[in-house]
Amino acid sequence: MRVCVASPYSLNEVKGNTVTTRRIVDLLAAEGVAARGSHLFDGGDADVLIALHAVKGAAAVFAFLEQFPRGKVVILITGTDLYESLPAGSERGERALELAHRIVVVQEAAILRLPARFREKVRVIPASLDPVELRHVPESPPFVISVLGHPRPVKRPFLTIEAVARHPEWSEVEVWQIGEALDEESRRSAEEWVRRDGRYRYLGGQPREEALRLCAKSSLTINSSILEGGANAVVEAMTMGVPVLASRIEGNVGILGADYPGYFEEGKLDQAIGEVIEKEFALQDWVDLASARLELFSQEKEARSWLELLDELI
């Protein structure tokens, strides 16, 4: 079986879709599948196309089926699909989903976000990560809060420093922003916060190993996204034993679990940070609960799930 995994972005970019493309290719190749990654559909021979993103990947779906009418199509739904593009109404995205033989989501809550007519084609495959050997060894003091991810509006990357800035009494708190600003506005905002508050450090884009090392040194990491399909940074933090404070959105709940206590409600990040600073003993409970869910995100489980899905298509 020949499988083409198509990203809507260049394979040279650092975006999450490209990281996911490489991971799926590596998992399938390790199981003996002739898998390759491409930017959209590259026109090469393939029996199956796995297209990331229903809307941005629709062009790949159309091109593949035009060349290989008997080929099989799998669409891996992204957070942008679920919470922006499809709800806003995308004829291309819905047409791609109609043509798909299977649709993959990374957490069960996402199924109900899709139109009912597509749900019988949906399979849940949680994303795995490369093994992370680092362990949580926080610097203390200061109390470091790490924020990982390329700053862009949907991530609300500056929500943490905005909260901290309102509390000058948190003198031993530092915010480490880790991730390359992919637009000029985000870059300017980061530089402005560096000037405004000495507790803020903008560390920019870092190799994955260095980003994880910095996260492992933090006392707490915060994911403040307003929408998220499922953040790799959250699972990486869980793997290292770093406590996670997260916005209560479907993507985060799908990873951390409905009973996880480390969520903050909209407009209450200040309160949540304050409670953590005053009661650090509670953080180990968060870590223990998160660690118990890590088996859901193993490479073996994800590889097995992809192979089972491919078997369905043969």
C-alpha atoms as a PDB file:
ATOM      1  CA  MET A   1       0.000   0.000   0.000  1.00  0.00           C
ATOM      2  CA  ARG A   2       1.309   3.433  -0.968  1.00  0.00           C
ATOM      3  CA  VAL A   3       0.227   6.299   1.266  1.00  0.00           C
ATOM      4  CA  CYS A   4       0.667  10.018   0.692  1.00  0.00           C
ATOM      5  CA  VAL A   5       0.263  12.212   3.771  1.00  0.00           C
ATOM      6  CA  ALA A   6      -0.515  15.732   2.578  1.00  0.00           C
ATOM      7  CA  SER A   7       0.055  18.870   4.636  1.00  0.00           C
ATOM      8  CA  PRO A   8      -1.539  22.167   3.570  1.00  0.00           C
ATOM      9  CA  TYR A   9       1.823  23.787   4.366  1.00  0.00           C
ATOM     10  CA  SER A  10       5.338  23.346   3.048  1.00  0.00           C
ATOM     11  CA  LEU A  11       7.212  20.520   4.744  1.00  0.00           C
ATOM     12  CA  ASN A  12       9.958  23.021   5.534  1.00  0.00           C
ATOM     13  CA  GLU A  13       7.673  25.037   7.821  1.00  0.00           C
ATOM     14  CA  VAL A  14       7.440  24.660  11.584  1.00  0.00           C
ATOM     15  CA  LYS A  15       3.641  24.639  11.823  1.00  0.00           C
ATOM     16  CA  GLY A  16       1.750  21.929  13.664  1.00  0.00           C
ATOM     17  CA  ASN A  17       0.211  20.419  10.522  1.00  0.00           C
ATOM     18  CA  THR A  18       3.662  19.769   9.107  1.00  0.00           C
ATOM     19  CA  VAL A  19       4.859  18.245  12.382  1.00  0.00           C
ATOM     20  CA  THR A  20       1.808  15.962  12.282  1.00  0.00           C
ATOM     21  CA  THR A  21       2.503  15.003   8.663  1.00  0.00           C
ATOM     22  CA  ARG A  22       6.053  13.941   9.489  1.00  0.00           C
ATOM     23  CA  ARG A  23       4.900  11.986  12.547  1.00  0.00           C
ATOM     24  CA  ILE A  24       2.293   9.958  10.649  1.00  0.00           C
ATOM     25  CA  VAL A  25       4.741   9.220   7.834  1.00  0.00           C
ATOM     26  CA  ASP A  26       7.357   8.000  10.329  1.00  0.00           C
ATOM     27  CA  LEU A  27       4.846   5.843  12.228  1.00  0.00           C
ATOM     28  CA  LEU A  28       3.570   4.167   9.056  1.00  0.00           C
ATOM     29  CA  ALA A  29       7.041   3.726   7.579  1.00  0.00           C
ATOM     30  CA  ALA A  30       8.194   2.020  10.790  1.00  0.00           C
ATOM     31  CA  GLU A  31       5.357  -0.489  10.265  1.00  0.00           C
ATOM     32  CA  GLY A  32       6.456  -1.250   6.706  1.00  0.00           C
ATOM     33  CA  VAL A  33       3.983   1.007   4.887  1.00  0.00           C
ATOM     34  CA  ALA A  34       5.303   2.879   1.834  1.00  0.00           C
ATOM     35  CA  ALA A  35       4.426   6.327   3.206  1.00  0.00           C
ATOM     36  CA  ARG A  36       5.642   9.771   2.169  1.00  0.00           C
ATOM     37  CA  GLY A  37       4.819  13.348   3.085  1.00  0.00           C
ATOM     38  CA  SER A  38       3.989  16.114   0.649  1.00  0.00           C
ATOM     39  CA  HIS A  39       2.789  19.689   0.406  1.00  0.00           C
ATOM     40  CA  LEU A  40      -0.783  19.097  -0.750  1.00  0.00           C
ATOM     41  CA  PHE A  41      -0.848  16.225  -3.272  1.00  0.00           C
ATOM     42  CA  ASP A  42       2.418  15.755  -5.123  1.00  0.00           C
ATOM     43  CA  GLY A  43       0.993  13.775  -8.065  1.00  0.00           C
ATOM     44  CA  GLY A  44       2.941  10.610  -7.269  1.00  0.00           C
ATOM     45  CA  ASP A  45       1.485   7.100  -7.181  1.00  0.00           C
ATOM     46  CA  ALA A  46      -0.615   6.455  -4.100  1.00  0.00           C
ATOM     47  CA  ASP A  47      -3.393   4.119  -3.013  1.00  0.00           C
ATOM     48  CA  VAL A  48      -4.425   6.248  -0.043  1.00  0.00           C
ATOM     49  CA  LEU A  49      -4.299   9.978   0.589  1.00  0.00           C
ATOM     50  CA  ILE A  50      -4.276  11.191   4.196  1.00  0.00           C
ATOM     51  CA  ALA A  51      -5.051  14.902   3.917  1.00  0.00           C
ATOM     52  CA  LEU A  52      -4.629  17.205   6.870  1.00  0.00           C
ATOM     53  CA  HIS A  53      -7.297  19.899   7.145  1.00  0.00           C
ATOM     54  CA  ALA A  54     -10.664  19.512   5.396  1.00  0.00           C
ATOM     55  CA  VAL A  55     -10.686  23.074   4.071  1.00  0.00           C
ATOM     56  CA  LYS A  56      -7.033  23.860   3.371  1.00  0.00           C
ATOM     57  CA  GLY A  57      -6.443  20.268   2.291  1.00  0.00           C
ATOM     58  CA  ALA A  58      -9.448  20.120  -0.044  1.00  0.00           C
ATOM     59  CA  ALA A  59      -7.284  20.884  -3.092  1.00  0.00           C
ATOM     60  CA  ALA A  60      -5.198  17.798  -2.316  1.00  0.00           C
ATOM     61  CA  VAL A  61      -8.327  15.649  -2.072  1.00  0.00           C
ATOM     62  CA  PHE A  62      -9.709  16.871  -5.392  1.00  0.00           C
ATOM     63  CA  ALA A  63      -6.372  16.481  -7.217  1.00  0.00           C
ATOM     64  CA  PHE A  64      -5.797  12.989  -5.825  1.00  0.00           C
ATOM     65  CA  LEU A  65      -9.224  11.656  -6.788  1.00  0.00           C
ATOM     66  CA  GLU A  66      -9.003  13.190 -10.243  1.00  0.00           C
ATOM     67  CA  GLN A  67      -5.771  11.280 -10.831  1.00  0.00           C
ATOM     68  CA  PHE A  68      -6.766   8.134  -8.910  1.00  0.00           C
ATOM     69  CA  PRO A  69     -10.581   7.806  -8.971  1.00  0.00           C
ATOM     70  CA  ARG A  70     -10.409   4.477  -7.145  1.00  0.00           C
ATOM     71  CA  GLY A  71      -8.046   5.789  -4.498  1.00  0.00           C
ATOM     72  CA  LYS A  72      -9.082   6.098  -0.874  1.00  0.00           C
ATOM     73  CA  VAL A  73      -9.157   9.388   1.013  1.00  0.00           C
ATOM     74  CA  VAL A  74      -8.741   9.991   4.735  1.00  0.00           C
ATOM     75  CA  ILE A  75      -9.139  13.521   6.099  1.00  0.00           C
ATOM     76  CA  LEU A  76      -7.526  14.375   9.416  1.00  0.00           C
ATOM     77  CA  ILE A  77      -9.623  17.149  10.943  1.00  0.00           C
ATOM     78  CA  THR A  78      -7.795  20.071  12.538  1.00  0.00           C
ATOM     79  CA  GLY A  79      -8.860  22.500  15.241  1.00  0.00           C
ATOM     80  CA  THR A  80      -9.222  25.251  12.649  1.00  0.00           C
ATOM     81  CA  ASP A  81     -11.647  23.026  10.716  1.00  0.00           C
ATOM     82  CA  LEU A  82     -13.756  22.299  13.774  1.00  0.00           C
ATOM     83  CA  TYR A  83     -13.966  25.709  15.348  1.00  0.00           C
ATOM     84  CA  GLU A  84     -13.512  28.188  12.502  1.00  0.00           C
ATOM     85  CA  SER A  85     -13.701  27.117   8.864  1.00  0.00           C
ATOM     86  CA  LEU A  86     -16.492  24.516   8.858  1.00  0.00           C
ATOM     87  CA  PRO A  87     -18.855  26.384  11.237  1.00  0.00           C
ATOM     88  CA  ALA A  88     -18.405  29.505   9.118  1.00  0.00           C
ATOM     89  CA  GLY A  89     -19.545  27.543   6.067  1.00  0.00           C
ATOM     90  CA  SER A  90     -17.038  26.108   3.599  1.00  0.00           C
ATOM     91  CA  GLU A  91     -18.385  24.439   0.482  1.00  0.00           C
ATOM     92  CA  ARG A  92     -14.906  23.146  -0.386  1.00  0.00           C
ATOM     93  CA  GLY A  93     -14.427  21.678   3.059  1.00  0.00           C
ATOM     94  CA  GLU A  94     -17.821  19.973   3.104  1.00  0.00           C
ATOM     95  CA  ARG A  95     -17.315  18.632  -0.419  1.00  0.00           C
ATOM     96  CA  ALA A  96     -13.973  17.157   0.659  1.00  0.00           C
ATOM     97  CA  LEU A  97     -15.642  15.502   3.651  1.00  0.00           C
ATOM     98  CA  GLU A  98     -18.329  14.036   1.378  1.00  0.00           C
ATOM     99  CA  LEU A  99     -15.639  12.500  -0.831  1.00  0.00           C
ATOM    100  CA  ALA A 100     -13.590  11.163   2.081  1.00  0.00           C
ATOM    101  CA  HIS A 101     -13.839   7.460   2.876  1.00  0.00           C
ATOM    102  CA  ARG A 102     -12.789   8.051   6.493  1.00  0.00           C
ATOM    103  CA  ILE A 103     -12.500  11.120   8.722  1.00  0.00           C
ATOM    104  CA  VAL A 104     -10.098  11.203  11.670  1.00  0.00           C
ATOM    105  CA  VAL A 105     -10.339  13.364  14.788  1.00  0.00           C
ATOM    106  CA  VAL A 106      -7.894  13.363  17.703  1.00  0.00           C
ATOM    107  CA  GLN A 107     -10.433  13.413  20.536  1.00  0.00           C
ATOM    108  CA  GLU A 108     -14.010  12.175  20.914  1.00  0.00           C
ATOM    109  CA  ALA A 109     -15.656  15.524  21.673  1.00  0.00           C
ATOM    110  CA  ALA A 110     -14.723  16.629  18.151  1.00  0.00           C
ATOM    111  CA  ILE A 111     -17.154  14.124  16.600  1.00  0.00           C
ATOM    112  CA  LEU A 112     -20.183  16.145  17.646  1.00  0.00           C
ATOM    113  CA  ARG A 113     -18.725  19.240  15.991  1.00  0.00           C
ATOM    114  CA  LEU A 114     -19.063  17.608  12.574  1.00  0.00           C
ATOM    115  CA  PRO A 115     -22.295  17.523  10.579  1.00  0.00           C
ATOM    116  CA  ALA A 116     -24.300  14.410  11.526  1.00  0.00           C
ATOM    117  CA  ARG A 117     -24.160  12.958   8.005  1.00  0.00           C
ATOM    118  CA  PHE A 118     -20.380  12.493   8.269  1.00  0.00           C
ATOM    119  CA  ARG A 119     -20.159  10.881  11.689  1.00  0.00           C
ATOM    120  CA  GLU A 120     -20.382   7.235  10.620  1.00  0.00           C
ATOM    121  CA  LYS A 121     -17.088   7.748   8.755  1.00  0.00           C
ATOM    122  CA  VAL A 122     -15.280   9.194  11.782  1.00  0.00           C
ATOM    123  CA  ARG A 123     -12.527   7.411  13.691  1.00  0.00           C
ATOM    124  CA  VAL A 124     -10.755   8.756  16.803  1.00  0.00           C
ATOM    125  CA  ILE A 125      -6.949   8.529  16.749  1.00  0.00           C
ATOM    126  CA  PRO A 126      -5.226  10.497  19.527  1.00  0.00           C
ATOM    127  CA  ALA A 127      -1.932  12.025  18.440  1.00  0.00           C
ATOM    128  CA  SER A 128       1.252  10.612  19.935  1.00  0.00           C
ATOM    129  CA  LEU A 129       4.630  12.247  20.501  1.00  0.00           C
ATOM    130  CA  ASP A 130       8.254  11.356  20.114  1.00  0.00           C
ATOM    131  CA  PRO A 131       9.612  10.069  23.444  1.00  0.00           C
ATOM    132  CA  VAL A 132      10.547  12.860  25.847  1.00  0.00           C
ATOM    133  CA  GLU A 133      13.364  11.979  28.246  1.00  0.00           C
ATOM    134  CA  LEU A 134      13.381  15.273  30.165  1.00  0.00           C
ATOM    135  CA  ARG A 135      11.779  15.501  33.584  1.00  0.00           C
ATOM    136  CA  HIS A 136      10.312  18.426  35.473  1.00  0.00           C
ATOM    137  CA  VAL A 137      13.016  20.213  37.497  1.00  0.00           C
ATOM    138  CA  PRO A 138      11.658  23.711  38.169  1.00  0.00           C
ATOM    139  CA  GLU A 139      13.736  26.749  39.010  1.00  0.00           C
ATOM    140  CA  SER A 140      12.648  28.167  42.352  1.00  0.00           C
ATOM    141  CA  PRO A 141      12.669  31.052  42.803  1.00  0.00           C
ATOM    142  CA  PRO A 142      11.472  32.524  40.528  1.00  0.00           C
ATOM    143  CA  PHE A 143       8.102  30.899  39.905  1.00  0.00           C
ATOM    144  CA  VAL A 144       8.369  30.423  36.139  1.00  0.00           C
ATOM    145  CA  ILE A 145       5.283  30.146  33.959  1.00  0.00           C
ATOM    146  CA  SER A 146       6.048  28.858  30.464  1.00  0.00           C
ATOM    147  CA  VAL A 147       3.845  29.550  27.447  1.00  0.00           C
ATOM    148  CA  LEU A 148       4.680  27.348  24.446  1.00  0.00           C
ATOM    149  CA  GLY A 149       3.550  27.725  20.860  1.00  0.00           C
ATOM    150  CA  HIS A 150       3.978  30.095  17.955  1.00  0.00           C
ATOM    151  CA  PRO A 151       2.194  33.299  19.028  1.00  0.00           C
ATOM    152  CA  ARG A 152      -0.953  33.928  17.001  1.00  0.00           C
ATOM    153  CA  PRO A 153      -4.342  35.328  17.980  1.00  0.00           C
ATOM    154  CA  VAL A 154      -6.189  32.015  18.357  1.00  0.00           C
ATOM    155  CA  LYS A 155      -3.621  30.938  20.971  1.00  0.00           C
ATOM    156  CA  ARG A 156      -4.099  34.137  22.999  1.00  0.00           C
ATOM    157  CA  PRO A 157      -0.340  34.059  23.612  1.00  0.00           C
ATOM    158  CA  PHE A 158      -0.181  37.186  25.771  1.00  0.00           C
ATOM    159  CA  LEU A 159      -3.092  36.344  28.071  1.00  0.00           C
ATOM    160  CA  THR A 160      -0.665  35.079  30.724  1.00  0.00           C
ATOM    161  CA  ILE A 161       1.575  38.144  30.849  1.00  0.00           C
ATOM    162  CA  GLU A 162      -1.511  40.375  30.760  1.00  0.00           C
ATOM    163  CA  ALA A 163      -2.765  38.600  33.892  1.00  0.00           C
ATOM    164  CA  VAL A 164       0.605  38.759  35.624  1.00  0.00           C
ATOM    165  CA  ALA A 165       1.036  42.444  34.755  1.00  0.00           C
ATOM    166  CA  ARG A 166      -2.113  43.235  36.737  1.00  0.00           C
ATOM    167  CA  HIS A 167      -0.418  41.885  39.878  1.00  0.00           C
ATOM    168  CA  PRO A 168       2.821  43.686  40.731  1.00  0.00           C
ATOM    169  CA  GLU A 169       2.796  41.835  44.054  1.00  0.00           C
ATOM    170  CA  TRP A 170       3.727  38.637  42.182  1.00  0.00           C
ATOM    171  CA  SER A 171       7.325  39.784  42.229  1.00  0.00           C
ATOM    172  CA  GLU A 172       8.862  36.301  41.970  1.00  0.00           C
ATOM    173  CA  VAL A 173       6.816  35.281  38.928  1.00  0.00           C
ATOM    174  CA  GLU A 174       8.415  35.138  35.464  1.00  0.00           C
ATOM    175  CA  VAL A 175       6.653  34.409  32.173  1.00  0.00           C
ATOM    176  CA  TRP A 176       8.712  32.645  29.495  1.00  0.00           C
ATOM    177  CA  GLN A 177       7.189  32.926  26.022  1.00  0.00           C
ATOM    178  CA  ILE A 178       8.610  30.163  23.791  1.00  0.00           C
ATOM    179  CA  GLY A 179       7.745  30.125  20.101  1.00  0.00           C
ATOM    180  CA  GLU A 180       8.460  32.035  16.928  1.00  0.00           C
ATOM    181  CA  ALA A 181       6.088  34.897  16.151  1.00  0.00           C
ATOM    182  CA  LEU A 182       4.763  34.122  12.681  1.00  0.00           C
ATOM    183  CA  ASP A 183       3.252  37.556  12.053  1.00  0.00           C
ATOM    184  CA  GLU A 184       4.470  41.095  12.572  1.00  0.00           C
ATOM    185  CA  GLU A 185       1.772  42.069  15.055  1.00  0.00           C
ATOM    186  CA  SER A 186       2.625  39.185  17.394  1.00  0.00           C
ATOM    187  CA  ARG A 187       6.326  39.990  17.180  1.00  0.00           C
ATOM    188  CA  ARG A 188       5.707  43.645  18.039  1.00  0.00           C
ATOM    189  CA  SER A 189       3.457  42.664  20.949  1.00  0.00           C
ATOM    190  CA  ALA A 190       6.130  40.373  22.384  1.00  0.00           C
ATOM    191  CA  GLU A 191       8.793  43.073  22.096  1.00  0.00           C
ATOM    192  CA  GLU A 192       6.466  45.607  23.732  1.00  0.00           C
ATOM    193  CA  TRP A 193       5.874  43.302  26.698  1.00  0.00           C
ATOM    194  CA  VAL A 194       9.631  42.866  27.108  1.00  0.00           C
ATOM    195  CA  ARG A 195       9.885  46.654  27.496  1.00  0.00           C
ATOM    196  CA  ARG A 196       6.833  46.982  29.760  1.00  0.00           C
ATOM    197  CA  ASP A 197       7.385  44.226  32.321  1.00  0.00           C
ATOM    198  CA  GLY A 198      10.721  42.880  33.522  1.00  0.00           C
ATOM    199  CA  ARG A 199       9.076  39.603  34.509  1.00  0.00           C
ATOM    200  CA  TYR A 200       8.426  38.740  30.859  1.00  0.00           C
ATOM    201  CA  ARG A 201      10.998  36.931  28.718  1.00  0.00           C
ATOM    202  CA  TYR A 202      10.398  36.415  25.016  1.00  0.00           C
ATOM    203  CA  LEU A 203      12.597  33.478  24.017  1.00  0.00           C
ATOM    204  CA  GLY A 204      11.365  33.232  20.429  1.00  0.00           C
ATOM    205  CA  GLY A 205      11.605  30.186  18.202  1.00  0.00           C
ATOM    206  CA  GLN A 206      13.681  27.339  19.646  1.00  0.00           C
ATOM    207  CA  PRO A 207      14.581  23.838  18.476  1.00  0.00           C
ATOM    208  CA  ARG A 208      12.152  21.319  19.968  1.00  0.00           C
ATOM    209  CA  GLU A 209      14.757  19.961  22.394  1.00  0.00           C
ATOM    210  CA  GLU A 210      15.558  23.408  23.774  1.00  0.00           C
ATOM    211  CA  ALA A 211      11.879  24.380  23.996  1.00  0.00           C
ATOM    212  CA  LEU A 212      11.195  21.234  26.021  1.00  0.00           C
ATOM    213  CA  ARG A 213      14.211  21.877  28.252  1.00  0.00           C
ATOM    214  CA  LEU A 214      12.898  25.362  29.039  1.00  0.00           C
ATOM    215  CA  CYS A 215       9.418  24.017  29.699  1.00  0.00           C
ATOM    216  CA  ALA A 216      10.852  21.376  32.051  1.00  0.00           C
ATOM    217  CA  LYS A 217      12.496  24.158  34.084  1.00  0.00           C
ATOM    218  CA  SER A 218       9.220  26.044  34.511  1.00  0.00           C
ATOM    219  CA  SER A 219       7.019  25.691  37.592  1.00  0.00           C
ATOM    220  CA  LEU A 220       3.853  25.671  35.492  1.00  0.00           C
ATOM    221  CA  THR A 221       2.909  25.818  31.819  1.00  0.00           C
ATOM    222  CA  ILE A 222      -0.227  27.541  30.562  1.00  0.00           C
ATOM    223  CA  ASN A 223      -2.256  26.779  27.447  1.00  0.00           C
ATOM    224  CA  SER A 224      -4.666  29.676  26.978  1.00  0.00           C
ATOM    225  CA  SER A 225      -6.020  28.885  23.507  1.00  0.00           C
ATOM    226  CA  ILE A 226      -9.514  29.990  22.653  1.00  0.00           C
ATOM    227  CA  LEU A 227      -9.778  26.968  20.350  1.00  0.00           C
ATOM    228  CA  GLU A 228      -7.533  23.961  19.960  1.00  0.00           C
ATOM    229  CA  GLY A 229      -7.780  20.620  18.231  1.00  0.00           C
ATOM    230  CA  GLY A 230      -5.271  19.121  20.643  1.00  0.00           C
ATOM    231  CA  ALA A 231      -1.981  20.803  21.522  1.00  0.00           C
ATOM    232  CA  ASN A 232       1.262  18.833  21.321  1.00  0.00           C
ATOM    233  CA  ALA A 233       2.716  21.175  23.944  1.00  0.00           C
ATOM    234  CA  VAL A 234       0.155  20.005  26.492  1.00  0.00           C
ATOM    235  CA  VAL A 235       1.010  16.318  26.015  1.00  0.00           C
ATOM    236  CA  GLU A 236       4.744  17.105  26.055  1.00  0.00           C
ATOM    237  CA  ALA A 237       4.333  18.896  29.369  1.00  0.00           C
ATOM    238  CA  MET A 238       2.344  15.949  30.744  1.00  0.00           C
ATOM    239  CA  THR A 239       5.121  13.584  29.664  1.00  0.00           C
ATOM    240  CA  MET A 240       7.747  15.614  31.524  1.00  0.00           C
ATOM    241  CA  GLY A 241       5.623  16.001  34.651  1.00  0.00           C
ATOM    242  CA  VAL A 242       5.139  19.754  34.221  1.00  0.00           C
ATOM    243  CA  PRO A 243       1.825  20.959  35.713  1.00  0.00           C
ATOM    244  CA  VAL A 244      -0.562  22.329  33.076  1.00  0.00           C
ATOM    245  CA  LEU A 245      -3.047  25.146  33.606  1.00  0.00           C
ATOM    246  CA  ALA A 246      -5.365  25.195  30.606  1.00  0.00           C
ATOM    247  CA  SER A 247      -8.387  26.989  29.227  1.00  0.00           C
ATOM    248  CA  ARG A 248     -11.491  24.824  29.496  1.00  0.00           C
ATOM    249  CA  ILE A 249     -11.991  24.123  25.806  1.00  0.00           C
ATOM    250  CA  GLU A 250     -12.760  20.825  24.052  1.00  0.00           C
ATOM    251  CA  GLY A 251      -9.229  20.291  22.746  1.00  0.00           C
ATOM    252  CA  ASN A 252      -7.676  20.636  26.189  1.00  0.00           C
ATOM    253  CA  VAL A 253     -10.382  18.615  27.959  1.00  0.00           C
ATOM    254  CA  GLY A 254      -9.963  15.877  25.356  1.00  0.00           C
ATOM    255  CA  ILE A 255      -6.306  15.554  26.342  1.00  0.00           C
ATOM    256  CA  LEU A 256      -6.372  16.196  30.090  1.00  0.00           C
ATOM    257  CA  GLY A 257      -9.742  14.625  30.901  1.00  0.00           C
ATOM    258  CA  ALA A 258     -13.046  15.964  32.203  1.00  0.00           C
ATOM    259  CA  ASP A 259     -12.026  15.457  35.857  1.00  0.00           C
ATOM    260  CA  TYR A 260      -8.716  17.315  35.592  1.00  0.00           C
ATOM    261  CA  PRO A 261      -8.722  20.208  38.116  1.00  0.00           C
ATOM    262  CA  GLY A 262      -6.241  22.468  36.336  1.00  0.00           C
ATOM    263  CA  TYR A 263      -8.594  24.434  34.083  1.00  0.00           C
ATOM    264  CA  PHE A 264      -9.358  28.119  34.238  1.00  0.00           C
ATOM    265  CA  GLU A 265     -12.676  29.610  33.283  1.00  0.00           C
ATOM    266  CA  GLU A 266     -12.977  32.484  30.844  1.00  0.00           C
ATOM    267  CA  GLY A 267     -11.936  35.756  32.481  1.00  0.00           C
ATOM    268  CA  LYS A 268     -10.513  34.031  35.557  1.00  0.00           C
ATOM    269  CA  LEU A 269      -6.879  33.357  34.678  1.00  0.00           C
ATOM    270  CA  ASP A 270      -5.678  35.859  37.323  1.00  0.00           C
ATOM    271  CA  GLN A 271      -7.597  33.975  39.989  1.00  0.00           C
ATOM    272  CA  ALA A 272      -6.278  30.598  38.816  1.00  0.00           C
ATOM    273  CA  ILE A 273      -2.646  31.761  38.789  1.00  0.00           C
ATOM    274  CA  GLY A 274      -3.075  33.317  42.229  1.00  0.00           C
ATOM    275  CA  GLU A 275      -4.451  30.083  43.663  1.00  0.00           C
ATOM    276  CA  VAL A 276      -1.545  28.120  42.200  1.00  0.00           C
ATOM    277  CA  ILE A 277       1.033  30.513  43.636  1.00  0.00           C
ATOM    278  CA  GLU A 278      -0.539  30.306  47.089  1.00  0.00           C
ATOM    279  CA  LYS A 279      -1.118  26.529  47.046  1.00  0.00           C
ATOM    280  CA  GLU A 280       1.707  24.921  45.117  1.00  0.00           C
ATOM    281  CA  PHE A 281       1.111  21.597  46.884  1.00  0.00           C
ATOM    282  CA  ALA A 282      -1.931  21.014  44.668  1.00  0.00           C
ATOM    283  CA  LEU A 283       0.180  20.865  41.515  1.00  0.00           C
ATOM    284  CA  GLN A 284       1.398  17.313  42.166  1.00  0.00           C
ATOM    285  CA  ASP A 285      -2.218  16.141  42.074  1.00  0.00           C
ATOM    286  CA  TRP A 286      -2.530  17.673  38.607  1.00  0.00           C
ATOM    287  CA  VAL A 287       0.642  15.922  37.469  1.00  0.00           C
ATOM    288  CA  ASP A 288      -0.520  12.538  38.790  1.00  0.00           C
ATOM    289  CA  LEU A 289      -3.892  12.788  37.050  1.00  0.00           C
ATOM    290  CA  ALA A 290      -2.291  13.872  33.772  1.00  0.00           C
ATOM    291  CA  SER A 291       0.324  11.113  33.922  1.00  0.00           C
ATOM    292  CA  ALA A 292      -2.398   8.482  34.250  1.00  0.00           C
ATOM    293  CA  ARG A 293      -3.689   9.470  30.792  1.00  0.00           C
ATOM    294  CA  LEU A 294      -0.369   9.260  28.948  1.00  0.00           C
ATOM    295  CA  GLU A 295      -1.013   5.735  27.679  1.00  0.00           C
ATOM    296  CA  LEU A 296      -3.678   7.257  25.407  1.00  0.00           C
ATOM    297  CA  PHE A 297      -0.939   9.067  23.493  1.00  0.00           C
ATOM    298  CA  SER A 298       1.636   6.320  22.942  1.00  0.00           C
ATOM    299  CA  GLN A 299       3.250   5.886  19.535  1.00  0.00           C
ATOM    300  CA  GLU A 300       2.357   2.202  19.558  1.00  0.00           C
ATOM    301  CA  LYS A 301      -1.334   3.000  20.066  1.00  0.00           C
ATOM    302  CA  GLU A 302      -1.390   5.641  17.325  1.00  0.00           C
ATOM    303  CA  ALA A 303       0.475   3.415  14.842  1.00  0.00           C
ATOM    304  CA  ARG A 304      -1.893   0.514  15.538  1.00  0.00           C
ATOM    305  CA  SER A 305      -4.914   2.772  15.059  1.00  0.00           C
ATOM    306  CA  TRP A 306      -3.663   4.037  11.684  1.00  0.00           C
ATOM    307  CA  LEU A 307      -2.951   0.494  10.500  1.00  0.00           C
ATOM    308  CA  GLU A 308      -6.440  -0.626  11.538  1.00  0.00           C
ATOM    309  CA  LEU A 309      -7.937   2.281   9.629  1.00  0.00           C
ATOM    310  CA  LEU A 310      -5.916   1.437   6.500  1.00  0.00           C
ATOM    311  CA  ASP A 311      -7.042  -2.178   6.786  1.00  0.00           C
ATOM    312  CA  GLU A 312     -10.652  -0.962   6.687  1.00  0.00           C
ATOM    313  CA  LEU A 313      -9.966   0.697   3.342  1.00  0.00           C
ATOM    314  CA  ILE A 314      -8.435  -2.276   1.572  1.00  0.00           C
END
